[in-house]
PDB file of N, CA and C in Angstrom:
ATOM      1  N   UNK A   1      16.321  25.066  27.256  1.00  0.00           N
ATOM      2  CA  UNK A   1      14.994  24.565  27.696  1.00  0.00           C
ATOM      3  C   UNK A   1      15.181  22.994  27.473  1.00  0.00           C
ATOM      4  N   UNK A   2      14.838  22.225  28.815  1.00  0.00           N
ATOM      5  CA  UNK A   2      14.537  20.796  28.788  1.00  0.00           C
ATOM      6  C   UNK A   2      13.144  20.528  28.025  1.00  0.00           C
ATOM      7  N   UNK A   3      13.372  19.446  26.888  1.00  0.00           N
ATOM      8  CA  UNK A   3      11.835  19.028  26.716  1.00  0.00           C
ATOM      9  C   UNK A   3      11.429  17.559  27.267  1.00  0.00           C
ATOM     10  N   UNK A   4      12.495  16.780  27.474  1.00  0.00           N
ATOM     11  CA  UNK A   4      12.190  15.400  27.705  1.00  0.00           C
ATOM     12  C   UNK A   4      13.277  15.105  28.912  1.00  0.00           C
ATOM     13  N   UNK A   5      13.655  14.137  28.911  1.00  0.00           N
ATOM     14  CA  UNK A   5      15.155  13.642  30.190  1.00  0.00           C
ATOM     15  C   UNK A   5      16.281  14.131  29.181  1.00  0.00           C
ATOM     16  N   UNK A   6      16.333  13.625  27.718  1.00  0.00           N
ATOM     17  CA  UNK A   6      17.542  13.534  27.233  1.00  0.00           C
ATOM     18  C   UNK A   6      17.733  15.054  25.802  1.00  0.00           C
ATOM     19  N   UNK A   7      16.523  15.224  25.780  1.00  0.00           N
ATOM     20  CA  UNK A   7      16.327  16.290  24.650  1.00  0.00           C
ATOM     21  C   UNK A   7      16.128  17.667  24.827  1.00  0.00           C
ATOM     22  N   UNK A   8      17.291  18.779  24.315  1.00  0.00           N
ATOM     23  CA  UNK A   8      16.947  19.978  24.781  1.00  0.00           C
ATOM     24  C   UNK A   8      16.387  20.906  23.589  1.00  0.00           C
ATOM     25  N   UNK A   9      15.252  21.927  23.811  1.00  0.00           N
ATOM     26  CA  UNK A   9      14.890  22.946  22.704  1.00  0.00           C
ATOM     27  C   UNK A   9      16.296  23.212  21.811  1.00  0.00           C
ATOM     28  N   UNK A  10      17.272  23.353  22.224  1.00  0.00           N
ATOM     29  CA  UNK A  10      18.424  23.914  20.997  1.00  0.00           C
ATOM     30  C   UNK A  10      18.732  22.774  20.067  1.00  0.00           C
ATOM     31  N   UNK A  11      18.476  21.591  20.534  1.00  0.00           N
ATOM     32  CA  UNK A  11      18.831  20.515  19.526  1.00  0.00           C
ATOM     33  C   UNK A  11      17.572  20.520  18.337  1.00  0.00           C
ATOM     34  N   UNK A  12      16.508  20.847  18.227  1.00  0.00           N
ATOM     35  CA  UNK A  12      15.521  21.176  17.411  1.00  0.00           C
ATOM     36  C   UNK A  12      15.555  22.577  16.734  1.00  0.00           C
ATOM     37  N   UNK A  13      16.364  23.513  17.081  1.00  0.00           N
ATOM     38  CA  UNK A  13      16.257  24.710  16.270  1.00  0.00           C
ATOM     39  C   UNK A  13      17.824  25.000  15.787  1.00  0.00           C
ATOM     40  N   UNK A  14      18.794  24.298  15.983  1.00  0.00           N
ATOM     41  CA  UNK A  14      20.202  24.339  15.675  1.00  0.00           C
ATOM     42  C   UNK A  14      20.193  23.802  14.032  1.00  0.00           C
ATOM     43  N   UNK A  15      20.538  24.459  13.150  1.00  0.00           N
ATOM     44  CA  UNK A  15      20.483  24.285  11.658  1.00  0.00           C
ATOM     45  C   UNK A  15      21.673  24.888  10.939  1.00  0.00           C
ATOM     46  N   UNK A  16      22.736  24.026  10.746  1.00  0.00           N
ATOM     47  CA  UNK A  16      23.827  24.495   9.767  1.00  0.00           C
ATOM     48  C   UNK A  16      23.389  25.602   8.561  1.00  0.00           C
ATOM     49  N   UNK A  17      22.449  25.253   8.041  1.00  0.00           N
ATOM     50  CA  UNK A  17      21.532  26.173   7.038  1.00  0.00           C
ATOM     51  C   UNK A  17      21.465  27.468   7.150  1.00  0.00           C
ATOM     52  N   UNK A  18      20.355  27.413   8.461  1.00  0.00           N
ATOM     53  CA  UNK A  18      20.318  28.823   9.289  1.00  0.00           C
ATOM     54  C   UNK A  18      21.371  29.263   9.510  1.00  0.00           C
ATOM     55  N   UNK A  19      22.414  28.693  10.350  1.00  0.00           N
ATOM     56  CA  UNK A  19      23.719  29.634  10.390  1.00  0.00           C
ATOM     57  C   UNK A  19      24.448  30.122   9.258  1.00  0.00           C
ATOM     58  N   UNK A  20      24.451  29.348   8.003  1.00  0.00           N
ATOM     59  CA  UNK A  20      25.199  29.755   7.028  1.00  0.00           C
ATOM     60  C   UNK A  20      24.235  30.762   6.297  1.00  0.00           C
ATOM     61  N   UNK A  21      22.913  30.927   6.383  1.00  0.00           N
ATOM     62  CA  UNK A  21      22.073  32.265   5.744  1.00  0.00           C
ATOM     63  C   UNK A  21      21.750  33.170   6.600  1.00  0.00           C
ATOM     64  N   UNK A  22      22.202  33.139   7.872  1.00  0.00           N
ATOM     65  CA  UNK A  22      21.868  34.089   8.765  1.00  0.00           C
ATOM     66  C   UNK A  22      20.413  34.192   9.173  1.00  0.00           C
ATOM     67  N   UNK A  23      19.891  32.673   8.930  1.00  0.00           N
ATOM     68  CA  UNK A  23      18.699  32.922   9.775  1.00  0.00           C
ATOM     69  C   UNK A  23      18.168  32.543  10.962  1.00  0.00           C
ATOM     70  N   UNK A  24      17.508  33.401  11.753  1.00  0.00           N
ATOM     71  CA  UNK A  24      17.097  33.095  12.672  1.00  0.00           C
ATOM     72  C   UNK A  24      16.104  32.376  13.326  1.00  0.00           C
ATOM     73  N   UNK A  25      16.356  31.192  13.584  1.00  0.00           N
ATOM     74  CA  UNK A  25      15.357  29.642  13.643  1.00  0.00           C
ATOM     75  C   UNK A  25      15.339  29.558  15.024  1.00  0.00           C
ATOM     76  N   UNK A  26      14.008  30.101  15.526  1.00  0.00           N
ATOM     77  CA  UNK A  26      13.865  30.099  16.558  1.00  0.00           C
ATOM     78  C   UNK A  26      12.133  29.709  17.119  1.00  0.00           C
ATOM     79  N   UNK A  27      11.580  29.101  17.758  1.00  0.00           N
ATOM     80  CA  UNK A  27      10.299  29.161  17.786  1.00  0.00           C
ATOM     81  C   UNK A  27       9.373  30.304  18.113  1.00  0.00           C
ATOM     82  N   UNK A  28       8.670  30.342  17.472  1.00  0.00           N
ATOM     83  CA  UNK A  28       7.912  31.752  17.456  1.00  0.00           C
ATOM     84  C   UNK A  28       6.533  31.893  18.436  1.00  0.00           C
ATOM     85  N   UNK A  29       6.415  30.679  18.886  1.00  0.00           N
ATOM     86  CA  UNK A  29       5.033  30.278  19.653  1.00  0.00           C
ATOM     87  C   UNK A  29       5.409  29.165  20.768  1.00  0.00           C
ATOM     88  N   UNK A  30       4.721  29.403  22.022  1.00  0.00           N
ATOM     89  CA  UNK A  30       4.417  28.291  23.045  1.00  0.00           C
ATOM     90  C   UNK A  30       3.763  26.788  22.097  1.00  0.00           C
ATOM     91  N   UNK A  31       3.136  27.191  21.612  1.00  0.00           N
ATOM     92  CA  UNK A  31       2.593  25.871  20.638  1.00  0.00           C
ATOM     93  C   UNK A  31       3.484  25.022  20.176  1.00  0.00           C
ATOM     94  N   UNK A  32       4.526  25.949  19.289  1.00  0.00           N
ATOM     95  CA  UNK A  32       5.673  24.922  18.539  1.00  0.00           C
ATOM     96  C   UNK A  32       6.268  24.403  19.860  1.00  0.00           C
ATOM     97  N   UNK A  33       6.414  25.020  20.785  1.00  0.00           N
ATOM     98  CA  UNK A  33       7.573  24.179  21.934  1.00  0.00           C
ATOM     99  C   UNK A  33       6.537  22.856  22.649  1.00  0.00           C
ATOM    100  N   UNK A  34       5.427  23.285  22.946  1.00  0.00           N
ATOM    101  CA  UNK A  34       4.788  21.998  23.334  1.00  0.00           C
ATOM    102  C   UNK A  34       4.558  20.803  22.395  1.00  0.00           C
ATOM    103  N   UNK A  35       4.377  21.503  21.163  1.00  0.00           N
ATOM    104  CA  UNK A  35       4.196  20.219  20.155  1.00  0.00           C
ATOM    105  C   UNK A  35       6.021  19.509  20.277  1.00  0.00           C
ATOM    106  N   UNK A  36       6.814  20.271  20.290  1.00  0.00           N
ATOM    107  CA  UNK A  36       8.216  19.455  20.231  1.00  0.00           C
ATOM    108  C   UNK A  36       8.355  18.764  21.592  1.00  0.00           C
ATOM    109  N   UNK A  37       7.725  19.218  22.865  1.00  0.00           N
ATOM    110  CA  UNK A  37       8.035  18.413  23.897  1.00  0.00           C
ATOM    111  C   UNK A  37       7.043  17.334  23.636  1.00  0.00           C
ATOM    112  N   UNK A  38       5.949  17.316  23.214  1.00  0.00           N
ATOM    113  CA  UNK A  38       4.891  15.863  23.122  1.00  0.00           C
ATOM    114  C   UNK A  38       5.851  15.107  21.737  1.00  0.00           C
ATOM    115  N   UNK A  39       6.608  15.543  21.048  1.00  0.00           N
ATOM    116  CA  UNK A  39       7.168  14.560  20.316  1.00  0.00           C
ATOM    117  C   UNK A  39       8.215  14.201  20.879  1.00  0.00           C
ATOM    118  N   UNK A  40       9.370  14.568  21.719  1.00  0.00           N
ATOM    119  CA  UNK A  40      10.142  14.081  22.375  1.00  0.00           C
ATOM    120  C   UNK A  40       9.582  12.982  23.381  1.00  0.00           C
ATOM    121  N   UNK A  41       8.734  13.636  24.170  1.00  0.00           N
ATOM    122  CA  UNK A  41       8.201  12.375  25.302  1.00  0.00           C
ATOM    123  C   UNK A  41       7.484  11.226  24.556  1.00  0.00           C
ATOM    124  N   UNK A  42       6.880  11.462  23.520  1.00  0.00           N
ATOM    125  CA  UNK A  42       6.043  10.145  22.818  1.00  0.00           C
ATOM    126  C   UNK A  42       6.722   9.081  22.002  1.00  0.00           C
ATOM    127  N   UNK A  43       7.603   9.924  21.221  1.00  0.00           N
ATOM    128  CA  UNK A  43       8.231   9.167  20.092  1.00  0.00           C
ATOM    129  C   UNK A  43       9.902   9.407  20.286  1.00  0.00           C
ATOM    130  N   UNK A  44      10.457  10.246  20.277  1.00  0.00           N
ATOM    131  CA  UNK A  44      12.139  10.393  20.416  1.00  0.00           C
ATOM    132  C   UNK A  44      12.521   9.976  21.661  1.00  0.00           C
ATOM    133  N   UNK A  45      11.988  10.308  22.604  1.00  0.00           N
ATOM    134  CA  UNK A  45      12.593   9.795  24.012  1.00  0.00           C
ATOM    135  C   UNK A  45      12.540   8.292  24.256  1.00  0.00           C
ATOM    136  N   UNK A  46      11.480   7.405  23.813  1.00  0.00           N
ATOM    137  CA  UNK A  46      11.504   6.208  23.753  1.00  0.00           C
ATOM    138  C   UNK A  46      12.143   5.312  23.092  1.00  0.00           C
ATOM    139  N   UNK A  47      12.735   6.157  21.671  1.00  0.00           N
ATOM    140  CA  UNK A  47      13.591   5.638  20.768  1.00  0.00           C
ATOM    141  C   UNK A  47      14.956   5.623  21.369  1.00  0.00           C
ATOM    142  N   UNK A  48      15.250   6.723  21.996  1.00  0.00           N
ATOM    143  CA  UNK A  48      16.545   6.731  23.192  1.00  0.00           C
ATOM    144  C   UNK A  48      16.501   6.069  23.737  1.00  0.00           C
ATOM    145  N   UNK A  49      15.607   5.727  24.646  1.00  0.00           N
ATOM    146  CA  UNK A  49      15.643   4.810  25.837  1.00  0.00           C
ATOM    147  C   UNK A  49      16.316   3.586  25.212  1.00  0.00           C
ATOM    148  N   UNK A  50      15.489   3.332  24.303  1.00  0.00           N
ATOM    149  CA  UNK A  50      15.895   1.776  23.394  1.00  0.00           C
ATOM    150  C   UNK A  50      16.903   1.496  22.690  1.00  0.00           C
ATOM    151  N   UNK A  51      17.574   2.800  22.371  1.00  0.00           N
ATOM    152  CA  UNK A  51      18.739   2.732  21.369  1.00  0.00           C
ATOM    153  C   UNK A  51      19.995   3.206  21.600  1.00  0.00           C
ATOM    154  N   UNK A  52      19.756   4.273  22.653  1.00  0.00           N
ATOM    155  CA  UNK A  52      20.803   5.260  23.306  1.00  0.00           C
ATOM    156  C   UNK A  52      20.751   6.285  22.400  1.00  0.00           C
ATOM    157  N   UNK A  53      21.856   7.212  22.685  1.00  0.00           N
ATOM    158  CA  UNK A  53      21.611   8.735  21.554  1.00  0.00           C
ATOM    159  C   UNK A  53      21.421   8.601  20.375  1.00  0.00           C
ATOM    160  N   UNK A  54      20.662   9.556  20.204  1.00  0.00           N
ATOM    161  CA  UNK A  54      20.476   9.621  18.705  1.00  0.00           C
ATOM    162  C   UNK A  54      20.662  11.231  18.406  1.00  0.00           C
ATOM    163  N   UNK A  55      20.818  11.238  17.267  1.00  0.00           N
ATOM    164  CA  UNK A  55      21.313  12.749  16.619  1.00  0.00           C
ATOM    165  C   UNK A  55      20.020  13.168  15.751  1.00  0.00           C
ATOM    166  N   UNK A  56      19.409  14.579  15.780  1.00  0.00           N
ATOM    167  CA  UNK A  56      18.557  14.938  15.104  1.00  0.00           C
ATOM    168  C   UNK A  56      19.351  16.102  14.125  1.00  0.00           C
ATOM    169  N   UNK A  57      19.048  16.077  12.919  1.00  0.00           N
ATOM    170  CA  UNK A  57      19.437  16.893  12.114  1.00  0.00           C
ATOM    171  C   UNK A  57      18.307  17.696  11.355  1.00  0.00           C
ATOM    172  N   UNK A  58      17.110  17.659  11.616  1.00  0.00           N
ATOM    173  CA  UNK A  58      16.412  18.797  11.445  1.00  0.00           C
ATOM    174  C   UNK A  58      15.047  18.656  12.295  1.00  0.00           C
ATOM    175  N   UNK A  59      14.748  19.661  13.073  1.00  0.00           N
ATOM    176  CA  UNK A  59      13.663  19.654  13.717  1.00  0.00           C
ATOM    177  C   UNK A  59      12.643  20.836  13.498  1.00  0.00           C
ATOM    178  N   UNK A  60      12.553  21.816  14.621  1.00  0.00           N
ATOM    179  CA  UNK A  60      11.986  22.817  13.874  1.00  0.00           C
ATOM    180  C   UNK A  60      12.617  23.564  12.518  1.00  0.00           C
ATOM    181  N   UNK A  61      11.599  24.388  11.942  1.00  0.00           N
ATOM    182  CA  UNK A  61      11.996  25.047  11.039  1.00  0.00           C
ATOM    183  C   UNK A  61      11.260  26.219  11.129  1.00  0.00           C
ATOM    184  N   UNK A  62      11.589  27.353  10.945  1.00  0.00           N
ATOM    185  CA  UNK A  62      11.027  28.725  10.404  1.00  0.00           C
ATOM    186  C   UNK A  62      10.823  28.637   9.199  1.00  0.00           C
ATOM    187  N   UNK A  63       9.675  29.484   8.934  1.00  0.00           N
ATOM    188  CA  UNK A  63       9.281  29.673   7.313  1.00  0.00           C
ATOM    189  C   UNK A  63      10.266  29.682   6.592  1.00  0.00           C
ATOM    190  N   UNK A  64      11.484  30.734   6.940  1.00  0.00           N
ATOM    191  CA  UNK A  64      12.442  31.189   5.908  1.00  0.00           C
ATOM    192  C   UNK A  64      13.039  30.047   5.797  1.00  0.00           C
ATOM    193  N   UNK A  65      13.682  29.287   6.808  1.00  0.00           N
ATOM    194  CA  UNK A  65      14.645  28.276   7.004  1.00  0.00           C
ATOM    195  C   UNK A  65      13.825  26.905   5.760  1.00  0.00           C
ATOM    196  N   UNK A  66      12.676  26.778   6.422  1.00  0.00           N
ATOM    197  CA  UNK A  66      11.604  25.635   5.266  1.00  0.00           C
ATOM    198  C   UNK A  66      12.071  25.827   4.127  1.00  0.00           C
ATOM    199  N   UNK A  67      11.506  27.287   3.545  1.00  0.00           N
ATOM    200  CA  UNK A  67      11.992  27.726   2.050  1.00  0.00           C
ATOM    201  C   UNK A  67      13.529  27.470   1.329  1.00  0.00           C
ATOM    202  N   UNK A  68      14.406  27.375   2.370  1.00  0.00           N
ATOM    203  CA  UNK A  68      15.844  27.454   2.080  1.00  0.00           C
ATOM    204  C   UNK A  68      16.029  26.112   1.985  1.00  0.00           C
ATOM    205  N   UNK A  69      15.576  25.411   2.687  1.00  0.00           N
ATOM    206  CA  UNK A  69      15.967  23.655   2.444  1.00  0.00           C
ATOM    207  C   UNK A  69      15.154  22.815   1.219  1.00  0.00           C
ATOM    208  N   UNK A  70      14.197  23.599   1.083  1.00  0.00           N
ATOM    209  CA  UNK A  70      13.329  23.209   0.189  1.00  0.00           C
ATOM    210  C   UNK A  70      12.010  22.585   0.617  1.00  0.00           C
ATOM    211  N   UNK A  71      11.377  22.698   1.846  1.00  0.00           N
ATOM    212  CA  UNK A  71      10.495  21.799   2.384  1.00  0.00           C
ATOM    213  C   UNK A  71       9.126  22.373   1.913  1.00  0.00           C
ATOM    214  N   UNK A  72       8.316  21.739   2.181  1.00  0.00           N
ATOM    215  CA  UNK A  72       6.832  21.641   1.475  1.00  0.00           C
ATOM    216  C   UNK A  72       6.066  22.759   2.376  1.00  0.00           C
ATOM    217  N   UNK A  73       5.345  23.058   1.886  1.00  0.00           N
ATOM    218  CA  UNK A  73       4.683  24.779   2.696  1.00  0.00           C
ATOM    219  C   UNK A  73       3.874  24.506   3.813  1.00  0.00           C
ATOM    220  N   UNK A  74       3.433  23.013   3.974  1.00  0.00           N
ATOM    221  CA  UNK A  74       2.705  22.474   5.011  1.00  0.00           C
ATOM    222  C   UNK A  74       3.258  21.587   5.620  1.00  0.00           C
ATOM    223  N   UNK A  75       4.804  21.728   6.177  1.00  0.00           N
ATOM    224  CA  UNK A  75       5.525  20.905   6.720  1.00  0.00           C
ATOM    225  C   UNK A  75       5.084  20.954   8.127  1.00  0.00           C
ATOM    226  N   UNK A  76       5.536  19.683   8.751  1.00  0.00           N
ATOM    227  CA  UNK A  76       5.050  19.434  10.281  1.00  0.00           C
ATOM    228  C   UNK A  76       6.516  20.173  10.941  1.00  0.00           C
ATOM    229  N   UNK A  77       7.061  20.320  10.101  1.00  0.00           N
ATOM    230  CA  UNK A  77       8.603  20.805  10.990  1.00  0.00           C
ATOM    231  C   UNK A  77       8.491  22.192  11.218  1.00  0.00           C
ATOM    232  N   UNK A  78       7.394  23.197  10.554  1.00  0.00           N
ATOM    233  CA  UNK A  78       7.104  24.702  10.706  1.00  0.00           C
ATOM    234  C   UNK A  78       6.483  24.489  12.174  1.00  0.00           C
ATOM    235  N   UNK A  79       5.597  23.386  12.643  1.00  0.00           N
ATOM    236  CA  UNK A  79       4.816  23.637  13.860  1.00  0.00           C
ATOM    237  C   UNK A  79       5.295  22.823  14.864  1.00  0.00           C
ATOM    238  N   UNK A  80       6.645  22.354  14.713  1.00  0.00           N
ATOM    239  CA  UNK A  80       7.471  21.485  15.918  1.00  0.00           C
ATOM    240  C   UNK A  80       6.665  20.006  15.973  1.00  0.00           C
ATOM    241  N   UNK A  81       6.226  19.739  14.949  1.00  0.00           N
ATOM    242  CA  UNK A  81       5.536  18.151  14.860  1.00  0.00           C
ATOM    243  C   UNK A  81       6.651  17.363  14.604  1.00  0.00           C
ATOM    244  N   UNK A  82       7.803  17.755  13.938  1.00  0.00           N
ATOM    245  CA  UNK A  82       8.771  16.753  13.203  1.00  0.00           C
ATOM    246  C   UNK A  82      10.145  16.788  13.471  1.00  0.00           C
ATOM    247  N   UNK A  83      10.708  15.824  13.101  1.00  0.00           N
ATOM    248  CA  UNK A  83      12.075  15.494  13.557  1.00  0.00           C
ATOM    249  C   UNK A  83      12.843  14.634  12.148  1.00  0.00           C
ATOM    250  N   UNK A  84      14.059  14.727  11.806  1.00  0.00           N
ATOM    251  CA  UNK A  84      14.777  14.066  11.033  1.00  0.00           C
ATOM    252  C   UNK A  84      15.673  13.804  11.951  1.00  0.00           C
ATOM    253  N   UNK A  85      16.073  12.260  12.103  1.00  0.00           N
ATOM    254  CA  UNK A  85      16.863  11.250  12.561  1.00  0.00           C
ATOM    255  C   UNK A  85      17.990  10.885  11.765  1.00  0.00           C
ATOM    256  N   UNK A  86      19.375  10.972  12.241  1.00  0.00           N
ATOM    257  CA  UNK A  86      20.535  10.644  11.531  1.00  0.00           C
ATOM    258  C   UNK A  86      20.663   9.442  11.921  1.00  0.00           C
ATOM    259  N   UNK A  87      21.037   8.458  10.777  1.00  0.00           N
ATOM    260  CA  UNK A  87      20.950   7.149  10.808  1.00  0.00           C
ATOM    261  C   UNK A  87      22.634   6.830  10.724  1.00  0.00           C
ATOM    262  N   UNK A  88      22.963   5.988  11.862  1.00  0.00           N
ATOM    263  CA  UNK A  88      24.526   5.499  11.981  1.00  0.00           C
ATOM    264  C   UNK A  88      24.690   4.461  10.930  1.00  0.00           C
ATOM    265  N   UNK A  89      23.787   3.693  10.587  1.00  0.00           N
ATOM    266  CA  UNK A  89      24.005   2.726   9.224  1.00  0.00           C
ATOM    267  C   UNK A  89      22.667   2.436   8.987  1.00  0.00           C
ATOM    268  N   UNK A  90      22.307   1.379   7.768  1.00  0.00           N
ATOM    269  CA  UNK A  90      21.125   1.326   7.510  1.00  0.00           C
ATOM    270  C   UNK A  90      20.434   0.251   8.421  1.00  0.00           C
ATOM    271  N   UNK A  91      21.596  -0.564   8.790  1.00  0.00           N
ATOM    272  CA  UNK A  91      20.923  -1.423   9.810  1.00  0.00           C
ATOM    273  C   UNK A  91      20.322  -0.877  11.037  1.00  0.00           C
ATOM    274  N   UNK A  92      20.901   0.070  11.268  1.00  0.00           N
ATOM    275  CA  UNK A  92      20.359   0.651  12.608  1.00  0.00           C
ATOM    276  C   UNK A  92      19.403   1.472  12.243  1.00  0.00           C
ATOM    277  N   UNK A  93      19.129   1.949  11.022  1.00  0.00           N
ATOM    278  CA  UNK A  93      18.157   2.799  10.604  1.00  0.00           C
ATOM    279  C   UNK A  93      16.704   1.629  10.551  1.00  0.00           C
ATOM    280  N   UNK A  94      17.069   0.588  10.072  1.00  0.00           N
ATOM    281  CA  UNK A  94      16.000  -0.570   9.912  1.00  0.00           C
ATOM    282  C   UNK A  94      15.642  -0.741  11.246  1.00  0.00           C
ATOM    283  N   UNK A  95      16.090  -1.199  12.491  1.00  0.00           N
ATOM    284  CA  UNK A  95      15.873  -1.398  13.693  1.00  0.00           C
ATOM    285  C   UNK A  95      14.997  -0.032  14.092  1.00  0.00           C
ATOM    286  N   UNK A  96      15.814   1.138  13.729  1.00  0.00           N
ATOM    287  CA  UNK A  96      14.776   2.415  14.414  1.00  0.00           C
ATOM    288  C   UNK A  96      13.334   2.426  13.960  1.00  0.00           C
ATOM    289  N   UNK A  97      13.278   2.230  12.572  1.00  0.00           N
ATOM    290  CA  UNK A  97      12.163   2.092  11.706  1.00  0.00           C
ATOM    291  C   UNK A  97      11.039   1.340  12.200  1.00  0.00           C
ATOM    292  N   UNK A  98      11.582  -0.227  12.732  1.00  0.00           N
ATOM    293  CA  UNK A  98      10.919  -0.900  13.054  1.00  0.00           C
ATOM    294  C   UNK A  98       9.881  -0.761  14.517  1.00  0.00           C
ATOM    295  N   UNK A  99      10.992  -0.130  15.339  1.00  0.00           N
ATOM    296  CA  UNK A  99      10.457   0.455  16.472  1.00  0.00           C
ATOM    297  C   UNK A  99       9.226   1.549  16.690  1.00  0.00           C
ATOM    298  N   UNK A 100      10.099   2.519  15.938  1.00  0.00           N
ATOM    299  CA  UNK A 100       8.854   3.609  15.542  1.00  0.00           C
ATOM    300  C   UNK A 100       7.593   3.146  15.080  1.00  0.00           C
ATOM    301  N   UNK A 101       7.661   2.255  13.972  1.00  0.00           N
ATOM    302  CA  UNK A 101       6.013   1.738  13.936  1.00  0.00           C
ATOM    303  C   UNK A 101       5.365   1.101  14.901  1.00  0.00           C
ATOM    304  N   UNK A 102       5.875   0.738  15.939  1.00  0.00           N
ATOM    305  CA  UNK A 102       5.164   0.278  17.126  1.00  0.00           C
ATOM    306  C   UNK A 102       4.632   1.268  18.208  1.00  0.00           C
ATOM    307  N   UNK A 103       5.029   2.635  17.953  1.00  0.00           N
ATOM    308  CA  UNK A 103       4.692   3.577  18.904  1.00  0.00           C
ATOM    309  C   UNK A 103       3.168   4.267  18.393  1.00  0.00           C
ATOM    310  N   UNK A 104       2.435   4.175  19.048  1.00  0.00           N
ATOM    311  CA  UNK A 104       0.869   4.726  18.670  1.00  0.00           C
ATOM    312  C   UNK A 104       1.088   6.201  18.584  1.00  0.00           C
ATOM    313  N   UNK A 105       1.670   7.168  18.991  1.00  0.00           N
ATOM    314  CA  UNK A 105       1.871   8.685  18.543  1.00  0.00           C
ATOM    315  C   UNK A 105       2.464   8.988  17.109  1.00  0.00           C
ATOM    316  N   UNK A 106       3.303   8.397  16.437  1.00  0.00           N
ATOM    317  CA  UNK A 106       3.604   8.279  15.324  1.00  0.00           C
ATOM    318  C   UNK A 106       2.631   8.615  14.400  1.00  0.00           C
ATOM    319  N   UNK A 107       2.778   9.666  13.604  1.00  0.00           N
ATOM    320  CA  UNK A 107       1.560  10.354  12.590  1.00  0.00           C
ATOM    321  C   UNK A 107       2.288   9.981  11.308  1.00  0.00           C
ATOM    322  N   UNK A 108       3.652  10.183  10.812  1.00  0.00           N
ATOM    323  CA  UNK A 108       4.071  10.280   9.792  1.00  0.00           C
ATOM    324  C   UNK A 108       5.308   9.422   9.933  1.00  0.00           C
ATOM    325  N   UNK A 109       6.113   8.328   9.254  1.00  0.00           N
ATOM    326  CA  UNK A 109       7.085   7.925   9.104  1.00  0.00           C
ATOM    327  C   UNK A 109       7.808   7.733   8.039  1.00  0.00           C
ATOM    328  N   UNK A 110       8.569   8.329   7.456  1.00  0.00           N
ATOM    329  CA  UNK A 110       9.230   7.822   5.893  1.00  0.00           C
ATOM    330  C   UNK A 110      10.861   7.994   6.108  1.00  0.00           C
ATOM    331  N   UNK A 111      11.261   6.950   5.559  1.00  0.00           N
ATOM    332  CA  UNK A 111      12.623   6.562   5.492  1.00  0.00           C
ATOM    333  C   UNK A 111      13.036   7.591   3.833  1.00  0.00           C
ATOM    334  N   UNK A 112      14.089   8.360   4.272  1.00  0.00           N
ATOM    335  CA  UNK A 112      14.277   9.333   3.220  1.00  0.00           C
ATOM    336  C   UNK A 112      15.858   8.992   2.787  1.00  0.00           C
ATOM    337  N   UNK A 113      16.376   9.530   1.520  1.00  0.00           N
ATOM    338  CA  UNK A 113      17.530   9.669   1.006  1.00  0.00           C
ATOM    339  C   UNK A 113      17.794  10.619   0.364  1.00  0.00           C
ATOM    340  N   UNK A 114      18.842  11.313   0.564  1.00  0.00           N
ATOM    341  CA  UNK A 114      19.753  12.274  -0.389  1.00  0.00           C
ATOM    342  C   UNK A 114      21.095  11.526  -1.193  1.00  0.00           C
ATOM    343  N   UNK A 115      21.183  11.012  -2.167  1.00  0.00           N
ATOM    344  CA  UNK A 115      22.551  10.338  -2.655  1.00  0.00           C
ATOM    345  C   UNK A 115      22.642   9.134  -1.660  1.00  0.00           C
ATOM    346  N   UNK A 116      24.157   9.157  -0.957  1.00  0.00           N
ATOM    347  CA  UNK A 116      24.225   8.143   0.117  1.00  0.00           C
ATOM    348  C   UNK A 116      23.771   8.098   1.330  1.00  0.00           C
ATOM    349  N   UNK A 117      23.392   9.385   1.395  1.00  0.00           N
ATOM    350  CA  UNK A 117      22.868   9.733   2.872  1.00  0.00           C
ATOM    351  C   UNK A 117      21.387   9.525   3.025  1.00  0.00           C
ATOM    352  N   UNK A 118      21.256   8.625   4.245  1.00  0.00           N
ATOM    353  CA  UNK A 118      19.651   8.303   4.601  1.00  0.00           C
ATOM    354  C   UNK A 118      19.297   8.826   5.805  1.00  0.00           C
ATOM    355  N   UNK A 119      18.014   9.323   6.267  1.00  0.00           N
ATOM    356  CA  UNK A 119      17.632   9.606   7.651  1.00  0.00           C
ATOM    357  C   UNK A 119      15.980   9.116   7.333  1.00  0.00           C
ATOM    358  N   UNK A 120      15.615   9.218   8.636  1.00  0.00           N
ATOM    359  CA  UNK A 120      14.280   8.897   9.099  1.00  0.00           C
ATOM    360  C   UNK A 120      13.427  10.609   9.496  1.00  0.00           C
ATOM    361  N   UNK A 121      12.338  10.457   8.671  1.00  0.00           N
ATOM    362  CA  UNK A 121      11.404  11.908   8.840  1.00  0.00           C
ATOM    363  C   UNK A 121      10.247  11.273  10.001  1.00  0.00           C
ATOM    364  N   UNK A 122      10.249  11.765  11.004  1.00  0.00           N
ATOM    365  CA  UNK A 122       8.957  10.836  11.917  1.00  0.00           C
ATOM    366  C   UNK A 122       8.149  12.161  12.535  1.00  0.00           C
ATOM    367  N   UNK A 123       6.885  12.192  12.590  1.00  0.00           N
ATOM    368  CA  UNK A 123       6.199  13.073  13.233  1.00  0.00           C
ATOM    369  C   UNK A 123       5.213  12.478  14.380  1.00  0.00           C
ATOM    370  N   UNK A 124       4.794  13.479  15.148  1.00  0.00           N
ATOM    371  CA  UNK A 124       3.630  13.235  16.186  1.00  0.00           C
ATOM    372  C   UNK A 124       2.675  14.328  16.180  1.00  0.00           C
ATOM    373  N   UNK A 125       1.678  14.426  15.885  1.00  0.00           N
ATOM    374  CA  UNK A 125       0.481  15.696  16.242  1.00  0.00           C
ATOM    375  C   UNK A 125       0.102  15.562  17.627  1.00  0.00           C
ATOM    376  N   UNK A 126       0.077  16.593  18.419  1.00  0.00           N
ATOM    377  CA  UNK A 126      -0.237  16.798  19.702  1.00  0.00           C
ATOM    378  C   UNK A 126      -1.726  16.743  19.837  1.00  0.00           C
ATOM    379  N   UNK A 127      -1.977  17.647  19.001  1.00  0.00           N
ATOM    380  CA  UNK A 127      -3.563  18.129  18.807  1.00  0.00           C
ATOM    381  C   UNK A 127      -3.921  17.591  17.196  1.00  0.00           C
ATOM    382  N   UNK A 128      -4.971  16.551  17.283  1.00  0.00           N
ATOM    383  CA  UNK A 128      -5.465  15.999  15.821  1.00  0.00           C
ATOM    384  C   UNK A 128      -6.732  16.413  15.555  1.00  0.00           C
TER     385      UNK A 128
END
């Protein structure tokens, strides 16, 4: 299912952790899909239009997957409102961050790190 010009639902449900643990990470409601489409149209597609292809490392998470990755109980990933974006470099990450700060739909924007790996967590709420 196409969520925006360049993003498909499968990008947001794909998870190496889910695959490894045998977790079925599929959206369970139309609301979650609508939230992902909103996130794509209002945040991720503009980012892609500006910088070219981007890679989503974590999008939608079912409750079981969210627990497995240590996500917080009220994570916006559970509602399809958040995505984690791979950073090809720190410099490119800073450019992404600066651009994302200009988008009015952005609800939460966090530079995250685990060891030497960095990513940007971004969210948007369709219904506030």
